[in-house]
Amino acid sequence: MSKNFSLHEVGDKITIKDGKGYGDLFGLVSFIDIELQTMSILVGRGCHRSEDTIRVVRSFDCSEVVLGWSDHEVAEKQLTPRPCPWYSDKEKPDK
């Protein structure tokens, strides 16, 4: 339970507590800059990687970064890829 980003690795499941009453943010670490104390976190998956939701967090933006998810059910739902309705509606080309 720390704000020291050097304690985390890419791919870690983390819970970010903002301390402002907005609730916990669940995600997967995708990039860490220890010198700038900045972390990029995958917080939502799109139907393609280009549509993923990434949040950049600085150490002073949050009150605490905890290794693991405090609520697995919510985190799994949040990180389940969203459906692609625009793709499934397209007609298949005739051959």
C-alpha atoms as a PDB file:
ATOM      1  CA  MET A   1       0.000   0.000   0.000  1.00  0.00           C
ATOM      2  CA  SER A   2       2.026   2.821  -1.340  1.00  0.00           C
ATOM      3  CA  LYS A   3       2.249   5.593  -3.854  1.00  0.00           C
ATOM      4  CA  ASN A   4       5.779   4.503  -4.772  1.00  0.00           C
ATOM      5  CA  PHE A   5       5.380   3.340  -8.377  1.00  0.00           C
ATOM      6  CA  SER A   6       8.734   1.512  -8.314  1.00  0.00           C
ATOM      7  CA  LEU A   7       7.030  -1.217  -6.274  1.00  0.00           C
ATOM      8  CA  HIS A   8       4.862  -2.184  -9.263  1.00  0.00           C
ATOM      9  CA  GLU A   9       5.568  -3.907 -12.571  1.00  0.00           C
ATOM     10  CA  VAL A  10       3.931  -3.848 -15.986  1.00  0.00           C
ATOM     11  CA  GLY A  11       0.994  -6.268 -15.975  1.00  0.00           C
ATOM     12  CA  ASP A  12       0.202  -5.921 -12.255  1.00  0.00           C
ATOM     13  CA  LYS A  13      -3.438  -5.782 -11.216  1.00  0.00           C
ATOM     14  CA  ILE A  14      -3.871  -2.642  -9.114  1.00  0.00           C
ATOM     15  CA  THR A  15      -6.518  -0.662  -7.277  1.00  0.00           C
ATOM     16  CA  ILE A  16      -6.130   3.103  -7.148  1.00  0.00           C
ATOM     17  CA  LYS A  17      -7.736   4.964  -4.278  1.00  0.00           C
ATOM     18  CA  ASP A  18      -8.127   8.634  -5.120  1.00  0.00           C
ATOM     19  CA  GLY A  19      -8.984   9.894  -1.654  1.00  0.00           C
ATOM     20  CA  LYS A  20     -11.625  12.256  -3.081  1.00  0.00           C
ATOM     21  CA  GLY A  21     -14.647   9.998  -2.678  1.00  0.00           C
ATOM     22  CA  TYR A  22     -14.938   8.941  -6.338  1.00  0.00           C
ATOM     23  CA  GLY A  23     -14.388   5.280  -5.490  1.00  0.00           C
ATOM     24  CA  ASP A  24     -11.734   2.797  -6.454  1.00  0.00           C
ATOM     25  CA  LEU A  25     -10.287   2.520  -9.952  1.00  0.00           C
ATOM     26  CA  PHE A  26      -9.232  -0.941 -11.092  1.00  0.00           C
ATOM     27  CA  GLY A  27      -6.737  -1.560 -13.841  1.00  0.00           C
ATOM     28  CA  LEU A  28      -3.684  -3.239 -15.282  1.00  0.00           C
ATOM     29  CA  VAL A  29      -0.342  -1.448 -15.304  1.00  0.00           C
ATOM     30  CA  SER A  30       0.832  -0.868 -18.872  1.00  0.00           C
ATOM     31  CA  PHE A  31       3.712   1.615 -18.387  1.00  0.00           C
ATOM     32  CA  ILE A  32       5.678   3.076 -15.487  1.00  0.00           C
ATOM     33  CA  ASP A  33       8.025   6.063 -15.425  1.00  0.00           C
ATOM     34  CA  ILE A  34       9.710   5.924 -12.031  1.00  0.00           C
ATOM     35  CA  GLU A  35      11.599   9.179 -12.520  1.00  0.00           C
ATOM     36  CA  LEU A  36       8.404  11.164 -13.182  1.00  0.00           C
ATOM     37  CA  GLN A  37       6.305   9.008 -10.804  1.00  0.00           C
ATOM     38  CA  THR A  38       3.781   8.422 -13.599  1.00  0.00           C
ATOM     39  CA  MET A  39       1.905   5.231 -14.411  1.00  0.00           C
ATOM     40  CA  SER A  40      -0.254   4.333 -17.408  1.00  0.00           C
ATOM     41  CA  ILE A  41      -3.115   1.987 -16.543  1.00  0.00           C
ATOM     42  CA  LEU A  42      -5.539   0.038 -18.722  1.00  0.00           C
ATOM     43  CA  VAL A  43      -8.954   0.720 -17.159  1.00  0.00           C
ATOM     44  CA  GLY A  44     -11.320  -0.439 -19.927  1.00  0.00           C
ATOM     45  CA  ARG A  45     -11.096  -2.666 -22.961  1.00  0.00           C
ATOM     46  CA  GLY A  46     -12.643  -1.877 -26.315  1.00  0.00           C
ATOM     47  CA  CYS A  47     -13.442  -4.417 -28.980  1.00  0.00           C
ATOM     48  CA  HIS A  48     -10.020  -3.650 -30.490  1.00  0.00           C
ATOM     49  CA  ARG A  49      -6.821  -2.610 -28.731  1.00  0.00           C
ATOM     50  CA  SER A  50      -7.011   0.823 -30.366  1.00  0.00           C
ATOM     51  CA  GLU A  51     -10.292   1.408 -28.491  1.00  0.00           C
ATOM     52  CA  ASP A  52      -8.929   0.537 -25.030  1.00  0.00           C
ATOM     53  CA  THR A  53      -9.268   3.151 -22.307  1.00  0.00           C
ATOM     54  CA  ILE A  54      -5.960   4.135 -20.731  1.00  0.00           C
ATOM     55  CA  ARG A  55      -5.544   6.453 -17.760  1.00  0.00           C
ATOM     56  CA  VAL A  56      -2.297   8.147 -16.816  1.00  0.00           C
ATOM     57  CA  VAL A  57      -1.886   8.610 -13.080  1.00  0.00           C
ATOM     58  CA  ARG A  58       0.719  10.680 -11.262  1.00  0.00           C
ATOM     59  CA  SER A  59       1.713   9.852  -7.706  1.00  0.00           C
ATOM     60  CA  PHE A  60       0.108  13.024  -6.339  1.00  0.00           C
ATOM     61  CA  ASP A  61      -3.217  12.286  -8.137  1.00  0.00           C
ATOM     62  CA  CYS A  62      -4.076   9.391  -5.853  1.00  0.00           C
ATOM     63  CA  SER A  63      -3.969   8.718  -2.148  1.00  0.00           C
ATOM     64  CA  GLU A  64      -2.914   5.082  -2.456  1.00  0.00           C
ATOM     65  CA  VAL A  65      -2.023   2.403  -5.026  1.00  0.00           C
ATOM     66  CA  VAL A  66      -2.764  -1.141  -3.852  1.00  0.00           C
ATOM     67  CA  LEU A  67      -1.499  -4.308  -5.514  1.00  0.00           C
ATOM     68  CA  GLY A  68      -4.486  -6.477  -6.504  1.00  0.00           C
ATOM     69  CA  TRP A  69      -8.146  -5.705  -6.991  1.00  0.00           C
ATOM     70  CA  SER A  70     -10.359  -5.040  -3.997  1.00  0.00           C
ATOM     71  CA  ASP A  71     -13.457  -6.144  -5.970  1.00  0.00           C
ATOM     72  CA  HIS A  72     -12.692  -8.847  -8.558  1.00  0.00           C
ATOM     73  CA  GLU A  73     -16.232  -8.940  -9.988  1.00  0.00           C
ATOM     74  CA  VAL A  74     -16.313  -5.226 -10.818  1.00  0.00           C
ATOM     75  CA  ALA A  75     -12.735  -5.242 -12.119  1.00  0.00           C
ATOM     76  CA  GLU A  76     -13.356  -8.231 -14.403  1.00  0.00           C
ATOM     77  CA  LYS A  77     -16.520  -6.607 -15.786  1.00  0.00           C
ATOM     78  CA  GLN A  78     -14.677  -3.321 -16.354  1.00  0.00           C
ATOM     79  CA  LEU A  79     -11.825  -5.064 -18.189  1.00  0.00           C
ATOM     80  CA  THR A  80     -13.983  -7.390 -20.307  1.00  0.00           C
ATOM     81  CA  PRO A  81     -13.762  -6.295 -23.959  1.00  0.00           C
ATOM     82  CA  ARG A  82     -16.797  -4.307 -25.071  1.00  0.00           C
ATOM     83  CA  PRO A  83     -18.884  -5.792 -27.907  1.00  0.00           C
ATOM     84  CA  CYS A  84     -18.389  -4.584 -31.470  1.00  0.00           C
ATOM     85  CA  PRO A  85     -21.900  -3.879 -32.759  1.00  0.00           C
ATOM     86  CA  TRP A  86     -20.575  -1.942 -35.753  1.00  0.00           C
ATOM     87  CA  TYR A  87     -18.640  -5.029 -36.873  1.00  0.00           C
ATOM     88  CA  SER A  88     -21.392  -7.610 -36.395  1.00  0.00           C
ATOM     89  CA  ASP A  89     -23.899  -5.494 -38.387  1.00  0.00           C
ATOM     90  CA  LYS A  90     -21.745  -5.488 -41.527  1.00  0.00           C
ATOM     91  CA  GLU A  91     -22.814  -7.755 -44.298  1.00  0.00           C
ATOM     92  CA  LYS A  92     -20.476 -10.468 -45.442  1.00  0.00           C
ATOM     93  CA  PRO A  93     -19.207  -9.957 -48.986  1.00  0.00           C
ATOM     94  CA  ASP A  94     -20.727 -12.248 -51.611  1.00  0.00           C
ATOM     95  CA  LYS A  95     -18.375 -14.547 -53.420  1.00  0.00           C
END
